[in-house]
Amino acid sequence: MKQEIPEDITKRPFEELVSELETILKKLESGNLPLQESIELYERGTILLKVCYQMLGELEGKVVKLVRDAEGVLREIPFETGEEEIGRRS
């Protein structure tokens, strides 16, 4: 079953989504909620998590690392290959 993403979620910044997700998690962990409310919060939490992962995935390709090559010139390299620096000093 495909979940529809409410507009109030898609228009908010990443940090707000994570904050709401943390709040939902605390409420669910408390164990003091009625079953129906727990289910509704769980469903909203799964949507928030999905949107957060989508946002991170979109940003992942945009992150670069600046490194100096052997000649001292700054170069951009993809962040995920950050350990394979150009002109890496031993």
PDB file of N, CA and C in Angstrom:
ATOM      1  N   MET A   1       0.834  -1.173   0.000  1.00  0.00           N
ATOM      2  CA  MET A   1       0.000   0.000   0.000  1.00  0.00           C
ATOM      3  C   MET A   1       0.887   1.248   0.000  1.00  0.00           C
ATOM      4  N   LYS A   2       0.701   2.118  -1.002  1.00  0.00           N
ATOM      5  CA  LYS A   2       1.507   3.317  -1.129  1.00  0.00           C
ATOM      6  C   LYS A   2       0.922   4.421  -0.246  1.00  0.00           C
ATOM      7  N   GLN A   3       1.791   5.007   0.575  1.00  0.00           N
ATOM      8  CA  GLN A   3       1.353   6.076   1.460  1.00  0.00           C
ATOM      9  C   GLN A   3       1.452   7.413   0.748  1.00  0.00           C
ATOM     10  N   GLU A   4       0.413   8.219   0.881  1.00  0.00           N
ATOM     11  CA  GLU A   4       0.455   9.553   0.323  1.00  0.00           C
ATOM     12  C   GLU A   4       1.159  10.467   1.315  1.00  0.00           C
ATOM     13  N   ILE A   5       1.995  11.350   0.798  1.00  0.00           N
ATOM     14  CA  ILE A   5       2.761  12.233   1.669  1.00  0.00           C
ATOM     15  C   ILE A   5       2.003  13.539   1.833  1.00  0.00           C
ATOM     16  N   PRO A   6       1.578  13.848   3.064  1.00  0.00           N
ATOM     17  CA  PRO A   6       0.842  15.087   3.304  1.00  0.00           C
ATOM     18  C   PRO A   6       1.677  16.325   2.969  1.00  0.00           C
ATOM     19  N   GLU A   7       1.017  17.355   2.482  1.00  0.00           N
ATOM     20  CA  GLU A   7       1.703  18.582   2.078  1.00  0.00           C
ATOM     21  C   GLU A   7       2.440  19.237   3.237  1.00  0.00           C
ATOM     22  N   ASP A   8       1.914  19.113   4.458  1.00  0.00           N
ATOM     23  CA  ASP A   8       2.593  19.726   5.608  1.00  0.00           C
ATOM     24  C   ASP A   8       3.972  19.111   5.849  1.00  0.00           C
ATOM     25  N   ILE A   9       4.195  17.932   5.329  1.00  0.00           N
ATOM     26  CA  ILE A   9       5.504  17.288   5.470  1.00  0.00           C
ATOM     27  C   ILE A   9       6.436  17.717   4.339  1.00  0.00           C
ATOM     28  N   THR A  10       5.934  17.737   3.123  1.00  0.00           N
ATOM     29  CA  THR A  10       6.789  18.026   1.969  1.00  0.00           C
ATOM     30  C   THR A  10       7.305  19.452   1.944  1.00  0.00           C
ATOM     31  N   LYS A  11       6.651  20.364   2.639  1.00  0.00           N
ATOM     32  CA  LYS A  11       7.032  21.782   2.610  1.00  0.00           C
ATOM     33  C   LYS A  11       7.980  22.177   3.747  1.00  0.00           C
ATOM     34  N   ARG A  12       8.303  21.241   4.626  1.00  0.00           N
ATOM     35  CA  ARG A  12       9.111  21.579   5.807  1.00  0.00           C
ATOM     36  C   ARG A  12      10.573  21.213   5.626  1.00  0.00           C
ATOM     37  N   PRO A  13      11.452  21.941   6.322  1.00  0.00           N
ATOM     38  CA  PRO A  13      12.879  21.611   6.244  1.00  0.00           C
ATOM     39  C   PRO A  13      13.196  20.287   6.947  1.00  0.00           C
ATOM     40  N   PHE A  14      14.302  19.703   6.539  1.00  0.00           N
ATOM     41  CA  PHE A  14      14.759  18.414   7.057  1.00  0.00           C
ATOM     42  C   PHE A  14      14.819  18.396   8.579  1.00  0.00           C
ATOM     43  N   GLU A  15      15.407  19.439   9.170  1.00  0.00           N
ATOM     44  CA  GLU A  15      15.595  19.474  10.624  1.00  0.00           C
ATOM     45  C   GLU A  15      14.266  19.417  11.380  1.00  0.00           C
ATOM     46  N   GLU A  16      13.249  20.054  10.853  1.00  0.00           N
ATOM     47  CA  GLU A  16      11.926  19.999  11.490  1.00  0.00           C
ATOM     48  C   GLU A  16      11.334  18.598  11.397  1.00  0.00           C
ATOM     49  N   LEU A  17      11.544  17.948  10.269  1.00  0.00           N
ATOM     50  CA  LEU A  17      11.025  16.583  10.106  1.00  0.00           C
ATOM     51  C   LEU A  17      11.690  15.634  11.094  1.00  0.00           C
ATOM     52  N   VAL A  18      12.996  15.762  11.255  1.00  0.00           N
ATOM     53  CA  VAL A  18      13.726  14.912  12.197  1.00  0.00           C
ATOM     54  C   VAL A  18      13.254  15.182  13.619  1.00  0.00           C
ATOM     55  N   SER A  19      13.036  16.441  13.942  1.00  0.00           N
ATOM     56  CA  SER A  19      12.561  16.793  15.278  1.00  0.00           C
ATOM     57  C   SER A  19      11.192  16.176  15.562  1.00  0.00           C
ATOM     58  N   GLU A  20      10.295  16.252  14.583  1.00  0.00           N
ATOM     59  CA  GLU A  20       8.978  15.637  14.770  1.00  0.00           C
ATOM     60  C   GLU A  20       9.104  14.129  14.896  1.00  0.00           C
ATOM     61  N   LEU A  21       9.979  13.543  14.110  1.00  0.00           N
ATOM     62  CA  LEU A  21      10.196  12.100  14.179  1.00  0.00           C
ATOM     63  C   LEU A  21      10.697  11.687  15.565  1.00  0.00           C
ATOM     64  N   GLU A  22      11.599  12.472  16.138  1.00  0.00           N
ATOM     65  CA  GLU A  22      12.100  12.187  17.487  1.00  0.00           C
ATOM     66  C   GLU A  22      10.982  12.294  18.523  1.00  0.00           C
ATOM     67  N   THR A  23      10.118  13.286  18.360  1.00  0.00           N
ATOM     68  CA  THR A  23       8.988  13.458  19.277  1.00  0.00           C
ATOM     69  C   THR A  23       8.052  12.257  19.198  1.00  0.00           C
ATOM     70  N   ILE A  24       7.764  11.821  17.988  1.00  0.00           N
ATOM     71  CA  ILE A  24       6.899  10.647  17.794  1.00  0.00           C
ATOM     72  C   ILE A  24       7.524   9.417  18.443  1.00  0.00           C
ATOM     73  N   LEU A  25       8.802   9.243  18.250  1.00  0.00           N
ATOM     74  CA  LEU A  25       9.500   8.091  18.821  1.00  0.00           C
ATOM     75  C   LEU A  25       9.397   8.088  20.347  1.00  0.00           C
ATOM     76  N   LYS A  26       9.596   9.240  20.965  1.00  0.00           N
ATOM     77  CA  LYS A  26       9.494   9.332  22.435  1.00  0.00           C
ATOM     78  C   LYS A  26       8.092   8.975  22.909  1.00  0.00           C
ATOM     79  N   LYS A  27       7.080   9.480  22.203  1.00  0.00           N
ATOM     80  CA  LYS A  27       5.697   9.179  22.581  1.00  0.00           C
ATOM     81  C   LYS A  27       5.412   7.684  22.458  1.00  0.00           C
ATOM     82  N   LEU A  28       5.862   7.078  21.363  1.00  0.00           N
ATOM     83  CA  LEU A  28       5.622   5.647  21.171  1.00  0.00           C
ATOM     84  C   LEU A  28       6.365   4.806  22.202  1.00  0.00           C
ATOM     85  N   GLU A  29       7.597   5.219  22.520  1.00  0.00           N
ATOM     86  CA  GLU A  29       8.384   4.476  23.508  1.00  0.00           C
ATOM     87  C   GLU A  29       7.802   4.570  24.911  1.00  0.00           C
ATOM     88  N   SER A  30       7.046   5.622  25.178  1.00  0.00           N
ATOM     89  CA  SER A  30       6.464   5.785  26.514  1.00  0.00           C
ATOM     90  C   SER A  30       5.451   4.690  26.823  1.00  0.00           C
ATOM     91  N   GLY A  31       4.790   4.189  25.786  1.00  0.00           N
ATOM     92  CA  GLY A  31       3.808   3.128  25.987  1.00  0.00           C
ATOM     93  C   GLY A  31       2.519   3.585  26.641  1.00  0.00           C
ATOM     94  N   ASN A  32       2.323   4.897  26.740  1.00  0.00           N
ATOM     95  CA  ASN A  32       1.144   5.428  27.427  1.00  0.00           C
ATOM     96  C   ASN A  32       0.058   5.935  26.485  1.00  0.00           C
ATOM     97  N   LEU A  33       0.103   5.529  25.226  1.00  0.00           N
ATOM     98  CA  LEU A  33      -0.861   6.015  24.246  1.00  0.00           C
ATOM     99  C   LEU A  33      -1.916   4.966  23.955  1.00  0.00           C
ATOM    100  N   PRO A  34      -3.124   5.416  23.631  1.00  0.00           N
ATOM    101  CA  PRO A  34      -4.129   4.456  23.167  1.00  0.00           C
ATOM    102  C   PRO A  34      -3.662   3.819  21.856  1.00  0.00           C
ATOM    103  N   LEU A  35      -4.128   2.632  21.576  1.00  0.00           N
ATOM    104  CA  LEU A  35      -3.689   1.882  20.409  1.00  0.00           C
ATOM    105  C   LEU A  35      -3.884   2.675  19.115  1.00  0.00           C
ATOM    106  N   GLN A  36      -5.045   3.268  18.929  1.00  0.00           N
ATOM    107  CA  GLN A  36      -5.322   3.991  17.679  1.00  0.00           C
ATOM    108  C   GLN A  36      -4.353   5.156  17.488  1.00  0.00           C
ATOM    109  N   GLU A  37      -4.073   5.882  18.555  1.00  0.00           N
ATOM    110  CA  GLU A  37      -3.132   7.000  18.461  1.00  0.00           C
ATOM    111  C   GLU A  37      -1.714   6.490  18.154  1.00  0.00           C
ATOM    112  N   SER A  38      -1.351   5.367  18.755  1.00  0.00           N
ATOM    113  CA  SER A  38      -0.040   4.770  18.479  1.00  0.00           C
ATOM    114  C   SER A  38       0.090   4.398  17.008  1.00  0.00           C
ATOM    115  N   ILE A  39      -0.952   3.827  16.446  1.00  0.00           N
ATOM    116  CA  ILE A  39      -0.935   3.432  15.036  1.00  0.00           C
ATOM    117  C   ILE A  39      -0.813   4.665  14.146  1.00  0.00           C
ATOM    118  N   GLU A  40      -1.580   5.707  14.459  1.00  0.00           N
ATOM    119  CA  GLU A  40      -1.526   6.933  13.661  1.00  0.00           C
ATOM    120  C   GLU A  40      -0.150   7.590  13.732  1.00  0.00           C
ATOM    121  N   LEU A  41       0.435   7.625  14.919  1.00  0.00           N
ATOM    122  CA  LEU A  41       1.775   8.193  15.063  1.00  0.00           C
ATOM    123  C   LEU A  41       2.813   7.350  14.333  1.00  0.00           C
ATOM    124  N   TYR A  42       2.679   6.043  14.423  1.00  0.00           N
ATOM    125  CA  TYR A  42       3.604   5.149  13.725  1.00  0.00           C
ATOM    126  C   TYR A  42       3.544   5.392  12.216  1.00  0.00           C
ATOM    127  N   GLU A  43       2.330   5.494  11.689  1.00  0.00           N
ATOM    128  CA  GLU A  43       2.170   5.726  10.252  1.00  0.00           C
ATOM    129  C   GLU A  43       2.773   7.065   9.838  1.00  0.00           C
ATOM    130  N   ARG A  44       2.545   8.106  10.630  1.00  0.00           N
ATOM    131  CA  ARG A  44       3.127   9.410  10.315  1.00  0.00           C
ATOM    132  C   ARG A  44       4.656   9.330  10.402  1.00  0.00           C
ATOM    133  N   GLY A  45       5.159   8.615  11.393  1.00  0.00           N
ATOM    134  CA  GLY A  45       6.592   8.450  11.543  1.00  0.00           C
ATOM    135  C   GLY A  45       7.219   7.760  10.349  1.00  0.00           C
ATOM    136  N   THR A  46       6.559   6.753   9.801  1.00  0.00           N
ATOM    137  CA  THR A  46       7.109   6.064   8.631  1.00  0.00           C
ATOM    138  C   THR A  46       7.152   6.994   7.417  1.00  0.00           C
ATOM    139  N   ILE A  47       6.152   7.858   7.304  1.00  0.00           N
ATOM    140  CA  ILE A  47       6.149   8.831   6.204  1.00  0.00           C
ATOM    141  C   ILE A  47       7.289   9.834   6.398  1.00  0.00           C
ATOM    142  N   LEU A  48       7.439  10.333   7.624  1.00  0.00           N
ATOM    143  CA  LEU A  48       8.522  11.280   7.909  1.00  0.00           C
ATOM    144  C   LEU A  48       9.878  10.664   7.599  1.00  0.00           C
ATOM    145  N   LEU A  49      10.071   9.428   8.014  1.00  0.00           N
ATOM    146  CA  LEU A  49      11.337   8.739   7.776  1.00  0.00           C
ATOM    147  C   LEU A  49      11.610   8.591   6.281  1.00  0.00           C
ATOM    148  N   LYS A  50      10.583   8.223   5.533  1.00  0.00           N
ATOM    149  CA  LYS A  50      10.720   8.062   4.091  1.00  0.00           C
ATOM    150  C   LYS A  50      11.133   9.384   3.432  1.00  0.00           C
ATOM    151  N   VAL A  51      10.488  10.467   3.820  1.00  0.00           N
ATOM    152  CA  VAL A  51      10.802  11.779   3.248  1.00  0.00           C
ATOM    153  C   VAL A  51      12.221  12.202   3.638  1.00  0.00           C
ATOM    154  N   CYS A  52      12.620  11.953   4.868  1.00  0.00           N
ATOM    155  CA  CYS A  52      13.981  12.289   5.307  1.00  0.00           C
ATOM    156  C   CYS A  52      15.018  11.529   4.476  1.00  0.00           C
ATOM    157  N   TYR A  53      14.800  10.236   4.241  1.00  0.00           N
ATOM    158  CA  TYR A  53      15.724   9.455   3.425  1.00  0.00           C
ATOM    159  C   TYR A  53      15.768   9.978   1.992  1.00  0.00           C
ATOM    160  N   GLN A  54      14.613  10.380   1.464  1.00  0.00           N
ATOM    161  CA  GLN A  54      14.580  10.941   0.113  1.00  0.00           C
ATOM    162  C   GLN A  54      15.389  12.233   0.049  1.00  0.00           C
ATOM    163  N   MET A  55      15.208  13.096   1.053  1.00  0.00           N
ATOM    164  CA  MET A  55      15.947  14.360   1.095  1.00  0.00           C
ATOM    165  C   MET A  55      17.445  14.111   1.175  1.00  0.00           C
ATOM    166  N   LEU A  56      17.848  13.187   2.015  1.00  0.00           N
ATOM    167  CA  LEU A  56      19.274  12.864   2.144  1.00  0.00           C
ATOM    168  C   LEU A  56      19.831  12.297   0.841  1.00  0.00           C
ATOM    169  N   GLY A  57      19.052  11.460   0.198  1.00  0.00           N
ATOM    170  CA  GLY A  57      19.487  10.881  -1.068  1.00  0.00           C
ATOM    171  C   GLY A  57      19.703  11.941  -2.136  1.00  0.00           C
ATOM    172  N   GLU A  58      18.813  12.925  -2.176  1.00  0.00           N
ATOM    173  CA  GLU A  58      18.941  14.006  -3.147  1.00  0.00           C
ATOM    174  C   GLU A  58      20.169  14.867  -2.866  1.00  0.00           C
ATOM    175  N   LEU A  59      20.456  15.074  -1.595  1.00  0.00           N
ATOM    176  CA  LEU A  59      21.582  15.921  -1.227  1.00  0.00           C
ATOM    177  C   LEU A  59      22.921  15.200  -1.316  1.00  0.00           C
ATOM    178  N   GLU A  60      22.900  13.897  -1.196  1.00  0.00           N
ATOM    179  CA  GLU A  60      24.132  13.122  -1.168  1.00  0.00           C
ATOM    180  C   GLU A  60      25.010  13.390  -2.391  1.00  0.00           C
ATOM    181  N   GLY A  61      24.410  13.490  -3.553  1.00  0.00           N
ATOM    182  CA  GLY A  61      25.175  13.727  -4.764  1.00  0.00           C
ATOM    183  C   GLY A  61      25.724  15.131  -4.878  1.00  0.00           C
ATOM    184  N   LYS A  62      25.233  16.053  -4.055  1.00  0.00           N
ATOM    185  CA  LYS A  62      25.663  17.444  -4.120  1.00  0.00           C
ATOM    186  C   LYS A  62      26.826  17.762  -3.186  1.00  0.00           C
ATOM    187  N   VAL A  63      27.102  16.874  -2.250  1.00  0.00           N
ATOM    188  CA  VAL A  63      28.146  17.127  -1.265  1.00  0.00           C
ATOM    189  C   VAL A  63      29.504  16.776  -1.864  1.00  0.00           C
ATOM    190  N   VAL A  64      30.429  17.700  -1.762  1.00  0.00           N
ATOM    191  CA  VAL A  64      31.784  17.467  -2.254  1.00  0.00           C
ATOM    192  C   VAL A  64      32.784  17.799  -1.155  1.00  0.00           C
ATOM    193  N   LYS A  65      33.974  17.309  -1.332  1.00  0.00           N
ATOM    194  CA  LYS A  65      35.048  17.575  -0.381  1.00  0.00           C
ATOM    195  C   LYS A  65      36.145  18.332  -1.124  1.00  0.00           C
ATOM    196  N   LEU A  66      36.657  19.378  -0.493  1.00  0.00           N
ATOM    197  CA  LEU A  66      37.763  20.117  -1.073  1.00  0.00           C
ATOM    198  C   LEU A  66      39.071  19.545  -0.552  1.00  0.00           C
ATOM    199  N   VAL A  67      39.964  19.224  -1.475  1.00  0.00           N
ATOM    200  CA  VAL A  67      41.274  18.693  -1.105  1.00  0.00           C
ATOM    201  C   VAL A  67      42.337  19.404  -1.932  1.00  0.00           C
ATOM    202  N   ARG A  68      43.550  19.413  -1.429  1.00  0.00           N
ATOM    203  CA  ARG A  68      44.685  19.973  -2.183  1.00  0.00           C
ATOM    204  C   ARG A  68      45.399  18.833  -2.896  1.00  0.00           C
ATOM    205  N   ASP A  69      45.671  19.054  -4.184  1.00  0.00           N
ATOM    206  CA  ASP A  69      46.420  18.043  -4.916  1.00  0.00           C
ATOM    207  C   ASP A  69      47.913  18.230  -4.660  1.00  0.00           C
ATOM    208  N   ALA A  70      48.739  17.453  -5.325  1.00  0.00           N
ATOM    209  CA  ALA A  70      50.192  17.482  -5.096  1.00  0.00           C
ATOM    210  C   ALA A  70      50.794  18.864  -5.364  1.00  0.00           C
ATOM    211  N   GLU A  71      50.151  19.628  -6.249  1.00  0.00           N
ATOM    212  CA  GLU A  71      50.649  20.978  -6.570  1.00  0.00           C
ATOM    213  C   GLU A  71      50.075  22.047  -5.640  1.00  0.00           C
ATOM    214  N   GLY A  72      49.246  21.654  -4.701  1.00  0.00           N
ATOM    215  CA  GLY A  72      48.661  22.602  -3.761  1.00  0.00           C
ATOM    216  C   GLY A  72      47.385  23.269  -4.250  1.00  0.00           C
ATOM    217  N   VAL A  73      46.843  22.801  -5.370  1.00  0.00           N
ATOM    218  CA  VAL A  73      45.622  23.364  -5.935  1.00  0.00           C
ATOM    219  C   VAL A  73      44.414  22.668  -5.305  1.00  0.00           C
ATOM    220  N   LEU A  74      43.403  23.481  -4.911  1.00  0.00           N
ATOM    221  CA  LEU A  74      42.178  22.901  -4.360  1.00  0.00           C
ATOM    222  C   LEU A  74      41.369  22.243  -5.455  1.00  0.00           C
ATOM    223  N   ARG A  75      40.896  21.029  -5.178  1.00  0.00           N
ATOM    224  CA  ARG A  75      40.061  20.278  -6.113  1.00  0.00           C
ATOM    225  C   ARG A  75      38.832  19.772  -5.361  1.00  0.00           C
ATOM    226  N   GLU A  76      37.729  19.624  -6.099  1.00  0.00           N
ATOM    227  CA  GLU A  76      36.521  19.024  -5.536  1.00  0.00           C
ATOM    228  C   GLU A  76      36.510  17.542  -5.872  1.00  0.00           C
ATOM    229  N   ILE A  77      36.178  16.725  -4.874  1.00  0.00           N
ATOM    230  CA  ILE A  77      35.984  15.294  -5.112  1.00  0.00           C
ATOM    231  C   ILE A  77      34.682  14.897  -4.440  1.00  0.00           C
ATOM    232  N   PRO A  78      34.011  13.861  -4.943  1.00  0.00           N
ATOM    233  CA  PRO A  78      32.770  13.408  -4.291  1.00  0.00           C
ATOM    234  C   PRO A  78      33.050  13.044  -2.839  1.00  0.00           C
ATOM    235  N   PHE A  79      32.132  13.391  -1.958  1.00  0.00           N
ATOM    236  CA  PHE A  79      32.315  13.156  -0.531  1.00  0.00           C
ATOM    237  C   PHE A  79      32.489  11.685  -0.194  1.00  0.00           C
ATOM    238  N   GLU A  80      31.737  10.802  -0.870  1.00  0.00           N
ATOM    239  CA  GLU A  80      31.813   9.381  -0.517  1.00  0.00           C
ATOM    240  C   GLU A  80      33.178   8.782  -0.806  1.00  0.00           C
ATOM    241  N   THR A  81      33.992   9.460  -1.608  1.00  0.00           N
ATOM    242  CA  THR A  81      35.339   8.965  -1.867  1.00  0.00           C
ATOM    243  C   THR A  81      36.364   9.823  -1.147  1.00  0.00           C
ATOM    244  N   GLY A  82      35.969  10.422  -0.064  1.00  0.00           N
ATOM    245  CA  GLY A  82      36.815  11.346   0.673  1.00  0.00           C
ATOM    246  C   GLY A  82      38.137  10.785   1.123  1.00  0.00           C
ATOM    247  N   GLU A  83      38.227   9.492   1.329  1.00  0.00           N
ATOM    248  CA  GLU A  83      39.483   8.886   1.771  1.00  0.00           C
ATOM    249  C   GLU A  83      40.465   8.713   0.628  1.00  0.00           C
ATOM    250  N   GLU A  84      39.992   8.824  -0.595  1.00  0.00           N
ATOM    251  CA  GLU A  84      40.855   8.661  -1.758  1.00  0.00           C
ATOM    252  C   GLU A  84      41.248  10.045  -2.274  1.00  0.00           C
ATOM    253  N   GLU A  85      41.856  10.836  -1.418  1.00  0.00           N
ATOM    254  CA  GLU A  85      42.186  12.211  -1.746  1.00  0.00           C
ATOM    255  C   GLU A  85      43.228  12.289  -2.851  1.00  0.00           C
ATOM    256  N   ILE A  86      43.081  13.333  -3.656  1.00  0.00           N
ATOM    257  CA  ILE A  86      44.067  13.624  -4.687  1.00  0.00           C
ATOM    258  C   ILE A  86      45.343  14.082  -4.001  1.00  0.00           C
ATOM    259  N   GLY A  87      46.488  13.531  -4.402  1.00  0.00           N
ATOM    260  CA  GLY A  87      47.753  13.940  -3.830  1.00  0.00           C
ATOM    261  C   GLY A  87      47.838  13.679  -2.350  1.00  0.00           C
ATOM    262  N   ARG A  88      47.240  12.620  -1.882  1.00  0.00           N
ATOM    263  CA  ARG A  88      47.183  12.297  -0.455  1.00  0.00           C
ATOM    264  C   ARG A  88      48.574  12.237   0.164  1.00  0.00           C
ATOM    265  N   ARG A  89      48.715  12.907   1.288  1.00  0.00           N
ATOM    266  CA  ARG A  89      50.004  12.897   2.010  1.00  0.00           C
ATOM    267  C   ARG A  89      50.073  11.699   2.919  1.00  0.00           C
ATOM    268  N   SER A  90      51.202  11.033   2.934  1.00  0.00           N
ATOM    269  CA  SER A  90      51.369   9.834   3.780  1.00  0.00           C
ATOM    270  C   SER A  90      51.915  10.209   5.121  1.00  0.00           C
TER     271      SER A  90
END
